[in-house]
Amino acid sequence: MLKDYDYNNSKDYINRWVISYADLVTLLLALFLVMYAINTANLKADAVGKNNTTINAELKKIQTVKMPELQKELLSEFKNDENVILLKDTRGLIIRLKDNILFGSAESEIQPEAYKTLNKIIDILSKIDNPVIIEGHTDSFPIKSKKYSSNWELSTARATSVIDYLVESKRINPRRLSAVGYGEFVPIAENTSNSGRTKNRRVDIIILNNNTGD
């Protein structure tokens, strides 16, 4: 026999109301959790978007200079300097420095007489934002040094010394610079004569092209 409830006084009615209320609270809590998760995902997406925007803005700041204009300035600055040779290849413009002005024999410490030339180069590099590679080269004559065990080490140390001097000027962003040592393995002349070996001992400062083919 089914029992009739007095809905005005029955405790069962009250309990059912509490259960319904609890269900409503649970649904609201679930809704808030879903909204929180969606909002968190949107915030993360916005953060990523802002980071990408910041990165893109920084990249846009890196403007490269037209090679013909830079070449003209370099020619004008070093036209009477016998220790500097200006060249151009597919990578960009090359400022070739003879090693006798930069370093002593089997040494990587920059000589004082090279500062004037390097300061002129710093003046030019500080006006542009092109990446720059410093290449160290030696001849094939075996090195006799307690400090360096090979021409490879010597050429790398020399390239690094030039970079250190450029960075110490505080006028060139270090991120633009890189150094590499080739030892005797990229000669521009035969190593069978004194004149050829002299040409091979060099430091090349390469101002890289932009991506427009200039």
Protein backbone atom coordinates (compact mmCIF):
# COMPACT_ATOMS: atom_id res chain seq x y z
CA MET A 1 0.00 0.00 0.00
CA LEU A 2 1.42 3.30 -1.09
CA LYS A 3 1.81 5.97 1.51
CA ASP A 4 0.33 9.40 0.93
CA TYR A 5 2.67 12.29 1.83
CA ASP A 6 1.59 15.45 3.49
CA TYR A 7 3.67 17.88 1.42
CA ASN A 8 3.12 20.65 3.89
CA ASN A 9 4.59 18.79 6.83
CA SER A 10 6.45 15.79 5.48
CA LYS A 11 10.18 15.50 6.14
CA ASP A 12 10.45 13.60 2.86
CA TYR A 13 9.38 16.68 0.97
CA ILE A 14 12.05 18.74 2.73
CA ASN A 15 14.72 16.16 1.90
CA ARG A 16 13.70 16.13 -1.73
CA TRP A 17 14.03 19.92 -1.86
CA VAL A 18 17.52 19.72 -0.40
CA ILE A 19 18.52 17.11 -2.97
CA SER A 20 17.21 19.26 -5.79
CA TYR A 21 19.06 22.26 -4.40
CA ALA A 22 22.25 20.24 -4.14
CA ASP A 23 21.86 19.16 -7.75
CA LEU A 24 21.50 22.79 -8.81
CA VAL A 25 24.63 23.79 -6.89
CA THR A 26 26.54 20.92 -8.47
CA LEU A 27 25.44 22.00 -11.95
CA LEU A 28 26.44 25.60 -11.25
CA LEU A 29 29.82 24.46 -9.95
CA ALA A 30 30.34 22.37 -13.09
CA LEU A 31 29.37 25.38 -15.21
CA PHE A 32 31.86 27.61 -13.40
CA LEU A 33 34.60 25.01 -13.85
CA VAL A 34 33.91 24.83 -17.59
CA MET A 35 33.92 28.64 -17.86
CA TYR A 36 37.19 28.81 -15.88
CA ALA A 37 38.82 26.23 -18.15
CA ILE A 38 37.74 28.11 -21.27
CA ASN A 39 38.97 31.41 -19.85
CA THR A 40 42.33 29.89 -18.88
CA ALA A 41 42.77 28.48 -22.38
CA ASN A 42 41.98 31.90 -23.87
CA LEU A 43 44.50 33.60 -21.59
CA LYS A 44 47.19 31.14 -22.62
CA ALA A 45 46.35 31.71 -26.28
CA ASP A 46 46.52 35.48 -25.75
CA ALA A 47 49.89 35.10 -24.01
CA VAL A 48 51.25 33.06 -26.90
CA GLY A 49 49.87 35.59 -29.34
CA LYS A 50 51.49 38.46 -27.45
CA ASN A 51 54.79 36.61 -27.31
CA ASN A 52 54.68 35.98 -31.04
CA THR A 53 53.82 39.63 -31.63
CA THR A 54 56.77 40.70 -29.47
CA ILE A 55 59.13 38.36 -31.29
CA ASN A 56 57.92 39.56 -34.68
CA ALA A 57 58.33 43.17 -33.58
CA GLU A 58 61.91 42.49 -32.50
CA LEU A 59 62.67 40.78 -35.79
CA LYS A 60 61.30 43.75 -37.72
CA LYS A 61 63.78 45.99 -35.92
CA ILE A 62 66.65 44.19 -37.64
CA GLN A 63 66.97 46.21 -40.81
CA THR A 64 69.72 45.46 -43.29
CA VAL A 65 71.54 48.07 -45.32
CA LYS A 66 71.82 48.19 -49.10
CA MET A 67 75.14 46.72 -50.13
CA PRO A 68 76.02 49.36 -52.78
CA GLU A 69 75.73 52.15 -50.21
CA LEU A 70 77.84 50.28 -47.69
CA GLN A 71 80.41 49.36 -50.30
CA LYS A 72 80.79 52.99 -51.30
CA GLU A 73 81.36 54.03 -47.68
CA LEU A 74 83.94 51.30 -47.12
CA LEU A 75 85.84 52.20 -50.29
CA SER A 76 85.91 55.82 -49.26
CA GLU A 77 87.14 55.02 -45.75
CA PHE A 78 89.88 52.54 -46.64
CA LYS A 79 91.00 53.55 -50.11
CA ASN A 80 94.45 54.58 -48.85
CA ASP A 81 94.90 51.81 -46.28
CA GLU A 82 97.33 49.15 -47.53
CA ASN A 83 96.44 46.80 -44.70
CA VAL A 84 92.78 46.57 -45.69
CA ILE A 85 91.41 44.85 -48.79
CA LEU A 86 87.74 45.20 -49.72
CA LEU A 87 86.03 42.37 -51.56
CA LYS A 88 82.55 41.18 -52.42
CA ASP A 89 81.19 37.65 -52.79
CA THR A 90 77.83 35.88 -52.62
CA ARG A 91 77.70 36.23 -48.84
CA GLY A 92 78.21 39.98 -48.76
CA LEU A 93 81.04 42.45 -48.33
CA ILE A 94 84.42 41.37 -46.97
CA ILE A 95 86.83 43.58 -45.06
CA ARG A 96 90.10 41.66 -45.26
CA LEU A 97 92.74 42.60 -42.69
CA LYS A 98 96.33 41.53 -43.08
CA ASP A 99 97.56 39.66 -40.04
CA ASN A 100 100.77 41.71 -39.66
CA ILE A 101 98.79 44.77 -38.55
CA LEU A 102 96.60 42.80 -36.17
CA PHE A 103 98.85 40.24 -34.50
CA GLY A 104 102.41 39.28 -33.77
CA SER A 105 103.75 35.94 -34.97
CA ALA A 106 101.77 33.02 -33.48
CA GLU A 107 99.89 35.48 -31.23
CA SER A 108 96.22 36.37 -30.85
CA GLU A 109 96.53 39.59 -28.86
CA ILE A 110 95.62 42.61 -30.98
CA GLN A 111 98.51 45.02 -31.51
CA PRO A 112 97.97 48.71 -30.60
CA GLU A 113 98.59 49.87 -34.18
CA ALA A 114 95.48 47.95 -35.27
CA TYR A 115 93.11 49.92 -33.05
CA LYS A 116 92.75 52.81 -35.46
CA THR A 117 91.67 50.52 -38.30
CA LEU A 118 89.33 48.51 -36.08
CA ASN A 119 87.75 51.70 -34.72
CA LYS A 120 86.93 52.80 -38.25
CA ILE A 121 85.28 49.45 -38.85
CA ILE A 122 83.32 49.81 -35.61
CA ASP A 123 82.09 53.23 -36.78
CA ILE A 124 80.67 51.65 -39.92
CA LEU A 125 79.25 48.51 -38.31
CA SER A 126 77.50 50.57 -35.62
CA LYS A 127 75.42 52.28 -38.33
CA ILE A 128 73.96 49.04 -39.70
CA ASP A 129 72.29 45.91 -38.36
CA ASN A 130 73.61 43.29 -40.76
CA PRO A 131 74.98 40.11 -39.18
CA VAL A 132 78.77 39.93 -39.21
CA ILE A 133 81.09 36.90 -39.31
CA ILE A 134 84.73 37.14 -38.23
CA GLU A 135 86.92 34.53 -39.94
CA GLY A 136 90.46 33.73 -38.84
CA HIS A 137 92.93 32.19 -41.33
CA THR A 138 96.56 31.13 -41.16
CA ASP A 139 99.15 29.73 -43.54
CA SER A 140 100.09 26.04 -43.53
CA PHE A 141 103.37 26.50 -41.69
CA PRO A 142 103.30 24.33 -38.52
CA ILE A 143 102.82 26.46 -35.45
CA LYS A 144 105.46 26.50 -32.71
CA SER A 145 103.69 27.78 -29.65
CA LYS A 146 103.12 26.58 -26.11
CA LYS A 147 99.78 28.38 -26.09
CA TYR A 148 98.30 26.96 -29.29
CA SER A 149 98.71 23.40 -30.45
CA SER A 150 97.51 24.00 -34.02
CA ASN A 151 96.86 26.70 -36.60
CA TRP A 152 93.20 25.93 -36.14
CA GLU A 153 93.31 27.02 -32.51
CA LEU A 154 95.35 30.11 -33.39
CA SER A 155 92.95 31.21 -36.14
CA THR A 156 89.94 30.74 -33.84
CA ALA A 157 91.62 32.70 -31.04
CA ARG A 158 92.40 35.55 -33.44
CA ALA A 159 88.83 35.73 -34.72
CA THR A 160 87.58 35.75 -31.12
CA SER A 161 90.00 38.53 -30.18
CA VAL A 162 88.58 40.73 -32.93
CA ILE A 163 85.03 40.01 -31.76
CA ASP A 164 86.01 40.82 -28.18
CA TYR A 165 87.32 44.21 -29.28
CA LEU A 166 84.14 44.95 -31.26
CA VAL A 167 81.96 44.00 -28.29
CA GLU A 168 84.03 46.01 -25.82
CA SER A 169 83.21 49.12 -27.82
CA LYS A 170 79.59 48.65 -26.65
CA ARG A 171 78.43 49.98 -30.02
CA ILE A 172 77.67 46.66 -31.68
CA ASN A 173 75.09 44.12 -30.54
CA PRO A 174 76.96 40.89 -29.72
CA ARG A 175 74.05 38.89 -31.17
CA ARG A 176 75.06 40.09 -34.62
CA LEU A 177 78.55 38.65 -34.32
CA SER A 178 79.98 35.18 -34.80
CA ALA A 179 83.54 33.88 -35.00
CA VAL A 180 85.09 30.95 -36.86
CA GLY A 181 88.64 29.73 -37.33
CA TYR A 182 89.67 27.90 -40.50
CA GLY A 183 93.36 27.45 -39.79
CA GLU A 184 95.22 26.80 -43.06
CA PHE A 185 92.34 25.02 -44.74
CA VAL A 186 90.85 27.91 -46.76
CA PRO A 187 93.90 29.42 -48.50
CA ILE A 188 93.64 32.18 -51.09
CA ALA A 189 97.19 31.61 -52.37
CA GLU A 190 99.79 28.86 -52.55
CA ASN A 191 101.60 28.17 -49.30
CA THR A 192 104.80 27.37 -51.18
CA SER A 193 106.15 30.94 -51.07
CA ASN A 194 106.49 33.71 -48.50
CA SER A 195 104.17 36.00 -50.47
CA GLY A 196 101.52 33.28 -50.68
CA ARG A 197 101.72 32.50 -46.97
CA THR A 198 101.49 36.21 -46.16
CA LYS A 199 98.23 36.45 -48.12
CA ASN A 200 96.80 33.42 -46.38
CA ARG A 201 97.41 34.87 -42.93
CA ARG A 202 94.40 37.12 -42.59
CA VAL A 203 91.20 38.00 -40.75
CA ASP A 204 88.06 38.48 -42.82
CA ILE A 205 85.20 40.58 -41.45
CA ILE A 206 82.18 39.57 -43.51
CA ILE A 207 79.11 41.81 -43.55
CA LEU A 208 76.34 39.49 -44.65
CA ASN A 209 73.86 40.35 -47.37
CA ASN A 210 70.20 40.86 -46.64
CA ASN A 211 67.60 38.59 -48.23
CA THR A 212 66.70 40.87 -51.11
CA GLY A 213 69.66 39.96 -53.26
CA ASP A 214 71.29 43.40 -52.96
